[in-house]
Every structure is written in structure tokens, then in C-alpha cells.
C-alpha atoms as a PDB file:
ATOM      1  CA  UNK A   1      -0.829   0.805   0.569  1.00  0.00           C
ATOM      2  CA  UNK A   2       1.250   2.913  -1.178  1.00  0.00           C
ATOM      3  CA  UNK A   3       2.499   5.713   1.509  1.00  0.00           C
ATOM      4  CA  UNK A   4       3.591   9.216  -0.267  1.00  0.00           C
ATOM      5  CA  UNK A   5       4.867  11.327   2.808  1.00  0.00           C
ATOM      6  CA  UNK A   6       7.048   8.099   3.055  1.00  0.00           C
ATOM      7  CA  UNK A   7       8.097   8.613   0.114  1.00  0.00           C
ATOM      8  CA  UNK A   8      12.004   8.762   0.806  1.00  0.00           C
ATOM      9  CA  UNK A   9      11.140   6.352   3.867  1.00  0.00           C
ATOM     10  CA  UNK A  10       9.861   2.959   4.058  1.00  0.00           C
ATOM     11  CA  UNK A  11       7.022   2.585   6.923  1.00  0.00           C
ATOM     12  CA  UNK A  12       8.903   0.878   9.021  1.00  0.00           C
ATOM     13  CA  UNK A  13      11.254   3.635   9.670  1.00  0.00           C
ATOM     14  CA  UNK A  14       8.157   5.554  10.094  1.00  0.00           C
ATOM     15  CA  UNK A  15       6.356   2.988  12.295  1.00  0.00           C
ATOM     16  CA  UNK A  16       9.497   3.077  14.884  1.00  0.00           C
ATOM     17  CA  UNK A  17      10.451   6.954  15.317  1.00  0.00           C
ATOM     18  CA  UNK A  18       6.556   7.315  15.978  1.00  0.00           C
ATOM     19  CA  UNK A  19       5.938   4.788  18.246  1.00  0.00           C
ATOM     20  CA  UNK A  20       7.397   6.551  21.888  1.00  0.00           C
ATOM     21  CA  UNK A  21       4.738   9.697  21.297  1.00  0.00           C
ATOM     22  CA  UNK A  22       1.668  10.516  23.089  1.00  0.00           C
ATOM     23  CA  UNK A  23      -1.759  10.688  21.196  1.00  0.00           C
ATOM     24  CA  UNK A  24      -2.386  13.056  18.560  1.00  0.00           C
ATOM     25  CA  UNK A  25      -5.529  16.422  19.553  1.00  0.00           C
ATOM     26  CA  UNK A  26      -7.903  13.628  17.209  1.00  0.00           C
ATOM     27  CA  UNK A  27      -7.740  11.330  20.255  1.00  0.00           C
ATOM     28  CA  UNK A  28      -8.902  13.482  22.942  1.00  0.00           C
ATOM     29  CA  UNK A  29     -11.301  14.600  20.045  1.00  0.00           C
ATOM     30  CA  UNK A  30     -12.095  11.148  19.707  1.00  0.00           C
ATOM     31  CA  UNK A  31     -12.045  10.611  23.845  1.00  0.00           C
ATOM     32  CA  UNK A  32     -14.524  13.795  24.219  1.00  0.00           C
ATOM     33  CA  UNK A  33     -17.180  12.412  22.166  1.00  0.00           C
ATOM     34  CA  UNK A  34     -17.525   9.628  22.943  1.00  0.00           C
ATOM     35  CA  UNK A  35     -16.771  10.133  27.113  1.00  0.00           C
ATOM     36  CA  UNK A  36     -13.424   7.265  26.575  1.00  0.00           C
ATOM     37  CA  UNK A  37     -11.680   7.842  29.968  1.00  0.00           C
ATOM     38  CA  UNK A  38     -14.019   5.036  31.453  1.00  0.00           C
ATOM     39  CA  UNK A  39     -13.635   2.613  28.780  1.00  0.00           C
ATOM     40  CA  UNK A  40     -14.401   0.233  31.145  1.00  0.00           C
ATOM     41  CA  UNK A  41     -16.107  -3.121  29.543  1.00  0.00           C
ATOM     42  CA  UNK A  42     -16.233  -1.069  26.609  1.00  0.00           C
ATOM     43  CA  UNK A  43     -14.904  -2.165  22.516  1.00  0.00           C
ATOM     44  CA  UNK A  44     -12.802  -0.272  20.359  1.00  0.00           C
ATOM     45  CA  UNK A  45     -11.539  -1.082  17.114  1.00  0.00           C
ATOM     46  CA  UNK A  46      -8.374   0.856  16.007  1.00  0.00           C
ATOM     47  CA  UNK A  47      -7.974   0.622  12.572  1.00  0.00           C
ATOM     48  CA  UNK A  48      -4.573   1.130  11.111  1.00  0.00           C
ATOM     49  CA  UNK A  49      -2.649   1.368  14.467  1.00  0.00           C
ATOM     50  CA  UNK A  50       0.046   2.251  13.293  1.00  0.00           C
ATOM     51  CA  UNK A  51       3.704   2.582  16.651  1.00  0.00           C
ATOM     52  CA  UNK A  52       0.574   2.354  19.095  1.00  0.00           C
ATOM     53  CA  UNK A  53       0.269   5.264  20.563  1.00  0.00           C
ATOM     54  CA  UNK A  54      -3.148   5.204  20.466  1.00  0.00           C
ATOM     55  CA  UNK A  55      -4.081   1.932  21.518  1.00  0.00           C
ATOM     56  CA  UNK A  56      -1.900   2.534  25.024  1.00  0.00           C
ATOM     57  CA  UNK A  57      -4.025   5.164  25.448  1.00  0.00           C
ATOM     58  CA  UNK A  58      -7.384   3.222  24.948  1.00  0.00           C
ATOM     59  CA  UNK A  59      -5.575   0.446  27.115  1.00  0.00           C
ATOM     60  CA  UNK A  60      -4.554   3.373  29.653  1.00  0.00           C
ATOM     61  CA  UNK A  61      -8.470   4.648  29.585  1.00  0.00           C
ATOM     62  CA  UNK A  62      -9.170   0.639  30.177  1.00  0.00           C
ATOM     63  CA  UNK A  63     -11.046   0.320  27.332  1.00  0.00           C
ATOM     64  CA  UNK A  64     -11.276  -3.545  25.567  1.00  0.00           C
ATOM     65  CA  UNK A  65      -8.486  -3.087  22.178  1.00  0.00           C
ATOM     66  CA  UNK A  66      -8.406  -4.380  18.013  1.00  0.00           C
ATOM     67  CA  UNK A  67      -5.451  -3.036  17.410  1.00  0.00           C
ATOM     68  CA  UNK A  68      -5.352  -3.815  13.250  1.00  0.00           C
ATOM     69  CA  UNK A  69      -2.841  -2.630  10.856  1.00  0.00           C
ATOM     70  CA  UNK A  70      -2.066  -3.839   6.946  1.00  0.00           C
ATOM     71  CA  UNK A  71       1.416  -3.276   8.242  1.00  0.00           C
ATOM     72  CA  UNK A  72       3.074  -6.508  10.195  1.00  0.00           C
ATOM     73  CA  UNK A  73       6.038  -5.103  11.988  1.00  0.00           C
ATOM     74  CA  UNK A  74       3.129  -3.703  14.013  1.00  0.00           C
ATOM     75  CA  UNK A  75       2.080  -6.395  15.948  1.00  0.00           C
ATOM     76  CA  UNK A  76       5.803  -6.914  17.057  1.00  0.00           C
ATOM     77  CA  UNK A  77       5.917  -3.332  18.294  1.00  0.00           C
ATOM     78  CA  UNK A  78       2.928  -3.619  20.206  1.00  0.00           C
ATOM     79  CA  UNK A  79       3.683  -6.066  21.909  1.00  0.00           C
ATOM     80  CA  UNK A  80       6.154  -5.312  22.710  1.00  0.00           C
ATOM     81  CA  UNK A  81       5.299  -2.017  24.635  1.00  0.00           C
ATOM     82  CA  UNK A  82       2.594  -2.976  25.420  1.00  0.00           C
ATOM     83  CA  UNK A  83       1.596  -2.920  29.610  1.00  0.00           C
ATOM     84  CA  UNK A  84       2.000  -6.020  30.793  1.00  0.00           C
ATOM     85  CA  UNK A  85      -1.211  -5.686  32.688  1.00  0.00           C
ATOM     86  CA  UNK A  86      -2.897  -4.210  29.305  1.00  0.00           C
ATOM     87  CA  UNK A  87      -2.403  -6.872  27.606  1.00  0.00           C
ATOM     88  CA  UNK A  88      -5.067  -9.496  28.207  1.00  0.00           C
ATOM     89  CA  UNK A  89      -7.882  -6.859  26.590  1.00  0.00           C
ATOM     90  CA  UNK A  90      -5.592  -5.439  23.881  1.00  0.00           C
ATOM     91  CA  UNK A  91      -5.942  -8.465  20.242  1.00  0.00           C
ATOM     92  CA  UNK A  92      -3.927  -7.591  16.631  1.00  0.00           C
ATOM     93  CA  UNK A  93      -4.760  -7.951  13.878  1.00  0.00           C
ATOM     94  CA  UNK A  94      -3.188  -7.332  10.965  1.00  0.00           C
ATOM     95  CA  UNK A  95      -5.038  -7.383   7.896  1.00  0.00           C
ATOM     96  CA  UNK A  96      -6.821  -4.702   4.754  1.00  0.00           C
ATOM     97  CA  UNK A  97      -8.723  -2.832   5.546  1.00  0.00           C
ATOM     98  CA  UNK A  98     -11.978  -3.228   3.373  1.00  0.00           C
ATOM     99  CA  UNK A  99     -11.069  -7.647   4.523  1.00  0.00           C
ATOM    100  CA  UNK A 100     -11.111  -8.040   7.745  1.00  0.00           C
ATOM    101  CA  UNK A 101     -13.704  -9.774   9.655  1.00  0.00           C
ATOM    102  CA  UNK A 102     -14.234  -6.510  12.623  1.00  0.00           C
ATOM    103  CA  UNK A 103     -16.321  -6.814  16.155  1.00  0.00           C
ATOM    104  CA  UNK A 104     -18.990  -5.298  17.028  1.00  0.00           C
ATOM    105  CA  UNK A 105     -18.068  -2.160  19.021  1.00  0.00           C
ATOM    106  CA  UNK A 106     -18.789   0.944  20.719  1.00  0.00           C
ATOM    107  CA  UNK A 107     -15.472   2.753  19.281  1.00  0.00           C
ATOM    108  CA  UNK A 108     -14.267   2.674  15.377  1.00  0.00           C
ATOM    109  CA  UNK A 109     -10.784   5.175  15.752  1.00  0.00           C
ATOM    110  CA  UNK A 110      -9.164   5.485  12.206  1.00  0.00           C
ATOM    111  CA  UNK A 111      -6.599   7.958  12.163  1.00  0.00           C
ATOM    112  CA  UNK A 112      -5.465   9.393   8.865  1.00  0.00           C
ATOM    113  CA  UNK A 113      -5.555   5.206   8.196  1.00  0.00           C
ATOM    114  CA  UNK A 114      -7.625   5.418   5.411  1.00  0.00           C
ATOM    115  CA  UNK A 115      -8.082   7.335   2.200  1.00  0.00           C
ATOM    116  CA  UNK A 116      -4.718   5.116   1.939  1.00  0.00           C
ATOM    117  CA  UNK A 117      -6.567   1.786   1.247  1.00  0.00           C
ATOM    118  CA  UNK A 118      -6.883   3.292  -2.292  1.00  0.00           C
ATOM    119  CA  UNK A 119      -9.372   1.742  -4.931  1.00  0.00           C
ATOM    120  CA  UNK A 120     -10.336  -0.175  -1.478  1.00  0.00           C
ATOM    121  CA  UNK A 121     -10.967   3.015  -0.455  1.00  0.00           C
ATOM    122  CA  UNK A 122     -14.806   2.898  -0.082  1.00  0.00           C
ATOM    123  CA  UNK A 123     -15.235  -0.975   1.403  1.00  0.00           C
ATOM    124  CA  UNK A 124     -12.944  -0.293   3.137  1.00  0.00           C
ATOM    125  CA  UNK A 125     -15.088   2.584   4.842  1.00  0.00           C
ATOM    126  CA  UNK A 126     -17.819   0.642   4.703  1.00  0.00           C
ATOM    127  CA  UNK A 127     -16.150  -1.918   6.830  1.00  0.00           C
ATOM    128  CA  UNK A 128     -15.247   0.144   8.883  1.00  0.00           C
ATOM    129  CA  UNK A 129     -18.782   1.429  10.276  1.00  0.00           C
ATOM    130  CA  UNK A 130     -20.376  -2.035   9.748  1.00  0.00           C
ATOM    131  CA  UNK A 131     -18.245  -2.326  12.916  1.00  0.00           C
ATOM    132  CA  UNK A 132     -19.998  -0.122  14.551  1.00  0.00           C
ATOM    133  CA  UNK A 133     -23.049  -0.550  17.446  1.00  0.00           C
ATOM    134  CA  UNK A 134     -25.993   1.143  17.826  1.00  0.00           C
ATOM    135  CA  UNK A 135     -24.745   4.338  20.045  1.00  0.00           C
ATOM    136  CA  UNK A 136     -21.442   3.732  19.310  1.00  0.00           C
ATOM    137  CA  UNK A 137     -19.234   6.070  16.666  1.00  0.00           C
ATOM    138  CA  UNK A 138     -16.794   6.881  14.552  1.00  0.00           C
ATOM    139  CA  UNK A 139     -14.652   8.871  14.405  1.00  0.00           C
ATOM    140  CA  UNK A 140     -11.139   9.311  12.198  1.00  0.00           C
ATOM    141  CA  UNK A 141      -9.903  11.577   8.502  1.00  0.00           C
ATOM    142  CA  UNK A 142     -10.880  11.356   4.949  1.00  0.00           C
ATOM    143  CA  UNK A 143      -8.784  13.390   2.607  1.00  0.00           C
ATOM    144  CA  UNK A 144     -11.055  15.982   0.120  1.00  0.00           C
ATOM    145  CA  UNK A 145      -9.572  17.217  -3.265  1.00  0.00           C
ATOM    146  CA  UNK A 146      -7.727  19.757  -2.632  1.00  0.00           C
ATOM    147  CA  UNK A 147      -5.308  17.882  -0.187  1.00  0.00           C
ATOM    148  CA  UNK A 148      -1.915  18.111  -1.460  1.00  0.00           C
ATOM    149  CA  UNK A 149      -1.294  13.518  -2.215  1.00  0.00           C
ATOM    150  CA  UNK A 150      -4.870  13.304  -3.077  1.00  0.00           C
ATOM    151  CA  UNK A 151      -3.187  13.287  -7.222  1.00  0.00           C
ATOM    152  CA  UNK A 152      -1.906  10.154  -5.818  1.00  0.00           C
ATOM    153  CA  UNK A 153      -3.799   6.544  -6.961  1.00  0.00           C
ATOM    154  CA  UNK A 154      -3.274   5.460  -4.650  1.00  0.00           C
ATOM    155  CA  UNK A 155      -4.676   7.895  -2.271  1.00  0.00           C
ATOM    156  CA  UNK A 156      -8.003   8.271  -1.972  1.00  0.00           C
ATOM    157  CA  UNK A 157     -10.384  11.313  -1.380  1.00  0.00           C
ATOM    158  CA  UNK A 158     -14.271  12.718  -0.460  1.00  0.00           C
ATOM    159  CA  UNK A 159     -16.066  15.063  -0.709  1.00  0.00           C
ATOM    160  CA  UNK A 160     -18.800  16.144   2.123  1.00  0.00           C
ATOM    161  CA  UNK A 161     -22.011  14.763  -0.495  1.00  0.00           C
ATOM    162  CA  UNK A 162     -19.767  11.573  -0.652  1.00  0.00           C
ATOM    163  CA  UNK A 163     -19.811  11.604   4.059  1.00  0.00           C
ATOM    164  CA  UNK A 164     -23.599  12.620   4.044  1.00  0.00           C
ATOM    165  CA  UNK A 165     -24.166   9.889   1.562  1.00  0.00           C
ATOM    166  CA  UNK A 166     -21.998   7.212   3.363  1.00  0.00           C
ATOM    167  CA  UNK A 167     -22.533   7.905   6.982  1.00  0.00           C
ATOM    168  CA  UNK A 168     -26.217   8.579   6.062  1.00  0.00           C
ATOM    169  CA  UNK A 169     -27.837   6.196   8.664  1.00  0.00           C
ATOM    170  CA  UNK A 170     -25.934   7.661  12.145  1.00  0.00           C
ATOM    171  CA  UNK A 171     -27.607   9.303  14.235  1.00  0.00           C
ATOM    172  CA  UNK A 172     -25.416  11.776  14.569  1.00  0.00           C
ATOM    173  CA  UNK A 173     -22.818  13.192  11.898  1.00  0.00           C
ATOM    174  CA  UNK A 174     -19.763  16.237  13.124  1.00  0.00           C
ATOM    175  CA  UNK A 175     -17.312  16.527  10.780  1.00  0.00           C
ATOM    176  CA  UNK A 176     -14.199  19.276  10.815  1.00  0.00           C
ATOM    177  CA  UNK A 177     -13.591  19.890   7.572  1.00  0.00           C
ATOM    178  CA  UNK A 178      -9.566  21.208   7.941  1.00  0.00           C
ATOM    179  CA  UNK A 179      -8.272  23.280   4.523  1.00  0.00           C
ATOM    180  CA  UNK A 180      -4.279  24.431   5.591  1.00  0.00           C
ATOM    181  CA  UNK A 181      -0.772  23.801   5.113  1.00  0.00           C
ATOM    182  CA  UNK A 182       1.272  22.009   8.190  1.00  0.00           C
ATOM    183  CA  UNK A 183       3.775  19.767   9.196  1.00  0.00           C
ATOM    184  CA  UNK A 184       3.923  16.002   7.927  1.00  0.00           C
ATOM    185  CA  UNK A 185       6.209  13.660   8.889  1.00  0.00           C
ATOM    186  CA  UNK A 186       9.127  12.883  11.430  1.00  0.00           C
ATOM    187  CA  UNK A 187      11.076  15.918   9.393  1.00  0.00           C
ATOM    188  CA  UNK A 188       8.388  18.416  10.098  1.00  0.00           C
ATOM    189  CA  UNK A 189       8.251  18.929   6.004  1.00  0.00           C
ATOM    190  CA  UNK A 190       5.589  21.412   5.302  1.00  0.00           C
ATOM    191  CA  UNK A 191       2.181  20.422   3.658  1.00  0.00           C
ATOM    192  CA  UNK A 192      -1.150  21.023   2.638  1.00  0.00           C
ATOM    193  CA  UNK A 193      -3.311  19.245   3.688  1.00  0.00           C
ATOM    194  CA  UNK A 194      -6.981  19.099   2.657  1.00  0.00           C
ATOM    195  CA  UNK A 195      -9.322  16.581   4.945  1.00  0.00           C
ATOM    196  CA  UNK A 196     -12.633  16.355   7.027  1.00  0.00           C
ATOM    197  CA  UNK A 197     -12.349  15.095  10.591  1.00  0.00           C
ATOM    198  CA  UNK A 198     -14.870  12.858  10.956  1.00  0.00           C
ATOM    199  CA  UNK A 199     -17.272  12.875  14.445  1.00  0.00           C
ATOM    200  CA  UNK A 200     -20.383   9.979  14.012  1.00  0.00           C
ATOM    201  CA  UNK A 201     -22.978   8.109  16.219  1.00  0.00           C
ATOM    202  CA  UNK A 202     -25.236   5.421  14.711  1.00  0.00           C
END
């Protein structure tokens, strides 16, 4: 799966460089949306878990977590850095987002992962949304057409109408559209970002 932001670095190198970071603002936005600090007894799916920062953040808040990634090395990194006290609440699955069998979940969290499903993007989104239980939530980001990576054939982008139609069976959909220049990657390079930060409740 091509990831243009790492064209000069392999994906494993990026995972290793980011595995020790804490959760980003999008994670905290998700926790606010689902009252995530009270995770005991609740199931989350971290779709595109990468280096595992958000998975560990969920585990620390009491959630049971299914961590999913297409990169096999993600399993080793998660197992290495997950505290023993949290291991029984963690399941790791390696596979493509459109093809993995996802269990019902109170939260499906997909931080900048689904656009990289490329040609399988629609199926990957449908698979992710199908896992959201009644009363549960999806939080994630999808690229818009102005993003610098939208021209890459391996990266999918959408518009607001597509989001509204795809999420039409959700009871609440909050769409925060962002279009600006900002840093990316481990070296602080600058690109134009255009994406939709979506918080939706079924």
C-alpha cells in the first residue's frame, strides 16, 4: 500500500520513529466525543494502529482494543510496548482494512488510515462503519480533493456530499473540514492538508 508521505523512508522506519509519541489532538477529540476516559467494559477498534500510541491510550483508559494494521511489524511494536497489565484487553490483527473481519465496537477509530486503502477505500469505509454498534461511534479523517496527496492514485479522497451520504444512517455526524498548510512526517516537512475530521454516532 503506497504512502506518499514516506516516499524517502520505509513504513517500518516511520513506525519506529513515532511509536513513543503520545496521542495527537484527534485522539483527544475522539475521547471527548465518546466519554472515552471511562472505557471499562467497552470495545474499541484502532484501525491503522501504526506505532500504537492511540492503542496504548485506549488501553490506559480501560478499553478493550482490537488494533488493526496492514504492516506486520506493527504487531511486534505493540507487543513490545504494551504494559503487561493491559495485555489481556489487547487483540492485534494484521490485514487490509476492507478485508479484515471486525467485531461490533463502541468506537471505531481511524486516524488518517482509511485514505490509504486506495482502490479499496469505499469498501474499507463500509467495513469500518459496519462495525459500529448501536449507540457507538466512528471517529477518523478522510482526505479532500485539495490535499497534496489527493493526486496520488493510491490515495482516496472524498467530498462533503460523499460523507453525508455514506454516514446517512448515523444519528449524529459532526464534520470538521480543514484546509491549510502544516507539517507532516518525522522531519517536519510542510504540505497542504485538506481533510475532514469526522465524529459520528450511530
